[in-house]
Amino acid sequence: MLQFYKTKDSTGLEVSINPIYIAQIESDSVNKNCSYVIMNSGRRYLIGENCISLTNTLEKLANYNGV
Protein backbone atom coordinates (compact mmCIF):
# COMPACT_ATOMS: atom_id res chain seq x y z
CA MET A 1 0.00 0.00 0.00
CA LEU A 2 1.40 3.40 -0.96
CA GLN A 3 1.75 5.92 1.82
CA PHE A 4 1.96 9.57 0.76
CA TYR A 5 2.88 12.51 2.96
CA LYS A 6 0.78 15.57 2.24
CA THR A 7 2.16 19.00 3.09
CA LYS A 8 2.72 22.45 1.59
CA ASP A 9 5.89 23.76 0.00
CA SER A 10 7.37 27.24 0.48
CA THR A 11 5.05 28.76 -2.14
CA GLY A 12 1.92 27.40 -0.45
CA LEU A 13 1.20 24.69 -3.00
CA GLU A 14 0.07 21.35 -1.67
CA VAL A 15 2.59 18.58 -2.25
CA SER A 16 2.13 14.82 -1.91
CA ILE A 17 5.45 13.07 -1.36
CA ASN A 18 5.98 9.35 -1.73
CA PRO A 19 8.76 8.63 0.79
CA ILE A 20 10.05 5.71 -1.25
CA TYR A 21 11.32 8.12 -3.93
CA ILE A 22 13.16 10.54 -1.64
CA ALA A 23 16.89 10.73 -2.32
CA GLN A 24 17.88 13.17 0.42
CA ILE A 25 16.54 15.50 3.11
CA GLU A 26 18.56 18.58 4.08
CA SER A 27 18.07 21.26 6.70
CA ASP A 28 17.83 24.82 5.38
CA SER A 29 20.93 26.76 6.45
CA VAL A 30 19.02 30.03 6.95
CA ASN A 31 15.79 28.84 8.57
CA LYS A 32 16.20 25.75 10.77
CA ASN A 33 12.44 25.17 10.70
CA CYS A 34 12.55 24.45 6.95
CA SER A 35 13.86 21.41 5.09
CA TYR A 36 14.75 20.61 1.51
CA VAL A 37 13.37 17.33 0.22
CA ILE A 38 15.22 16.10 -2.85
CA MET A 39 13.49 13.42 -4.91
CA ASN A 40 15.17 10.73 -7.04
CA SER A 41 14.15 12.70 -10.14
CA GLY A 42 16.12 15.73 -8.92
CA ARG A 43 13.07 17.81 -8.00
CA ARG A 44 13.56 19.85 -4.81
CA TYR A 45 10.86 20.96 -2.40
CA LEU A 46 11.33 23.49 0.39
CA ILE A 47 9.05 22.26 3.17
CA GLY A 48 8.25 24.37 6.23
CA GLU A 49 9.05 21.63 8.76
CA ASN A 50 12.00 20.76 10.96
CA CYS A 51 14.39 18.30 9.29
CA ILE A 52 14.44 15.80 12.18
CA SER A 53 10.67 15.58 12.64
CA LEU A 54 10.12 15.42 8.88
CA THR A 55 12.66 12.60 8.55
CA ASN A 56 11.05 10.62 11.37
CA THR A 57 7.58 10.99 9.85
CA LEU A 58 8.70 9.99 6.35
CA GLU A 59 10.68 7.00 7.68
CA LYS A 60 7.60 5.70 9.48
CA LEU A 61 5.53 6.03 6.32
CA ALA A 62 8.14 4.31 4.16
CA ASN A 63 9.10 1.47 6.48
CA TYR A 64 6.32 0.92 8.98
CA ASN A 65 3.16 1.89 7.04
CA GLY A 66 2.65 5.01 9.13
CA VAL A 67 2.67 3.30 12.53
C-alpha atoms as a PDB file:
ATOM      1  CA  MET A   1       0.000   0.000   0.000  1.00  0.00           C
ATOM      2  CA  LEU A   2       1.401   3.397  -0.959  1.00  0.00           C
ATOM      3  CA  GLN A   3       1.754   5.925   1.820  1.00  0.00           C
ATOM      4  CA  PHE A   4       1.958   9.573   0.762  1.00  0.00           C
ATOM      5  CA  TYR A   5       2.885  12.507   2.962  1.00  0.00           C
ATOM      6  CA  LYS A   6       0.775  15.575   2.235  1.00  0.00           C
ATOM      7  CA  THR A   7       2.164  18.997   3.093  1.00  0.00           C
ATOM      8  CA  LYS A   8       2.723  22.453   1.587  1.00  0.00           C
ATOM      9  CA  ASP A   9       5.895  23.763   0.003  1.00  0.00           C
ATOM     10  CA  SER A  10       7.373  27.237   0.479  1.00  0.00           C
ATOM     11  CA  THR A  11       5.048  28.756  -2.140  1.00  0.00           C
ATOM     12  CA  GLY A  12       1.921  27.403  -0.450  1.00  0.00           C
ATOM     13  CA  LEU A  13       1.203  24.690  -3.004  1.00  0.00           C
ATOM     14  CA  GLU A  14       0.071  21.345  -1.671  1.00  0.00           C
ATOM     15  CA  VAL A  15       2.587  18.581  -2.254  1.00  0.00           C
ATOM     16  CA  SER A  16       2.130  14.819  -1.915  1.00  0.00           C
ATOM     17  CA  ILE A  17       5.445  13.072  -1.361  1.00  0.00           C
ATOM     18  CA  ASN A  18       5.979   9.353  -1.733  1.00  0.00           C
ATOM     19  CA  PRO A  19       8.760   8.634   0.790  1.00  0.00           C
ATOM     20  CA  ILE A  20      10.049   5.707  -1.246  1.00  0.00           C
ATOM     21  CA  TYR A  21      11.319   8.123  -3.928  1.00  0.00           C
ATOM     22  CA  ILE A  22      13.160  10.544  -1.638  1.00  0.00           C
ATOM     23  CA  ALA A  23      16.887  10.729  -2.320  1.00  0.00           C
ATOM     24  CA  GLN A  24      17.882  13.173   0.420  1.00  0.00           C
ATOM     25  CA  ILE A  25      16.543  15.501   3.113  1.00  0.00           C
ATOM     26  CA  GLU A  26      18.563  18.584   4.082  1.00  0.00           C
ATOM     27  CA  SER A  27      18.069  21.256   6.698  1.00  0.00           C
ATOM     28  CA  ASP A  28      17.832  24.819   5.379  1.00  0.00           C
ATOM     29  CA  SER A  29      20.928  26.762   6.455  1.00  0.00           C
ATOM     30  CA  VAL A  30      19.020  30.030   6.945  1.00  0.00           C
ATOM     31  CA  ASN A  31      15.792  28.837   8.566  1.00  0.00           C
ATOM     32  CA  LYS A  32      16.198  25.754  10.773  1.00  0.00           C
ATOM     33  CA  ASN A  33      12.436  25.166  10.702  1.00  0.00           C
ATOM     34  CA  CYS A  34      12.549  24.447   6.951  1.00  0.00           C
ATOM     35  CA  SER A  35      13.862  21.409   5.090  1.00  0.00           C
ATOM     36  CA  TYR A  36      14.748  20.607   1.508  1.00  0.00           C
ATOM     37  CA  VAL A  37      13.366  17.326   0.217  1.00  0.00           C
ATOM     38  CA  ILE A  38      15.221  16.101  -2.854  1.00  0.00           C
ATOM     39  CA  MET A  39      13.493  13.424  -4.907  1.00  0.00           C
ATOM     40  CA  ASN A  40      15.171  10.729  -7.037  1.00  0.00           C
ATOM     41  CA  SER A  41      14.154  12.696 -10.139  1.00  0.00           C
ATOM     42  CA  GLY A  42      16.121  15.733  -8.919  1.00  0.00           C
ATOM     43  CA  ARG A  43      13.067  17.814  -8.001  1.00  0.00           C
ATOM     44  CA  ARG A  44      13.557  19.849  -4.812  1.00  0.00           C
ATOM     45  CA  TYR A  45      10.864  20.960  -2.400  1.00  0.00           C
ATOM     46  CA  LEU A  46      11.327  23.488   0.389  1.00  0.00           C
ATOM     47  CA  ILE A  47       9.050  22.258   3.169  1.00  0.00           C
ATOM     48  CA  GLY A  48       8.254  24.368   6.228  1.00  0.00           C
ATOM     49  CA  GLU A  49       9.048  21.627   8.760  1.00  0.00           C
ATOM     50  CA  ASN A  50      12.004  20.764  10.957  1.00  0.00           C
ATOM     51  CA  CYS A  51      14.391  18.301   9.292  1.00  0.00           C
ATOM     52  CA  ILE A  52      14.442  15.805  12.181  1.00  0.00           C
ATOM     53  CA  SER A  53      10.669  15.575  12.641  1.00  0.00           C
ATOM     54  CA  LEU A  54      10.119  15.421   8.876  1.00  0.00           C
ATOM     55  CA  THR A  55      12.655  12.602   8.545  1.00  0.00           C
ATOM     56  CA  ASN A  56      11.049  10.621  11.372  1.00  0.00           C
ATOM     57  CA  THR A  57       7.576  10.989   9.853  1.00  0.00           C
ATOM     58  CA  LEU A  58       8.699   9.986   6.352  1.00  0.00           C
ATOM     59  CA  GLU A  59      10.677   7.005   7.678  1.00  0.00           C
ATOM     60  CA  LYS A  60       7.600   5.698   9.484  1.00  0.00           C
ATOM     61  CA  LEU A  61       5.533   6.026   6.322  1.00  0.00           C
ATOM     62  CA  ALA A  62       8.142   4.307   4.155  1.00  0.00           C
ATOM     63  CA  ASN A  63       9.100   1.472   6.479  1.00  0.00           C
ATOM     64  CA  TYR A  64       6.316   0.919   8.983  1.00  0.00           C
ATOM     65  CA  ASN A  65       3.163   1.887   7.040  1.00  0.00           C
ATOM     66  CA  GLY A  66       2.649   5.010   9.128  1.00  0.00           C
ATOM     67  CA  VAL A  67       2.669   3.300  12.535  1.00  0.00           C
END
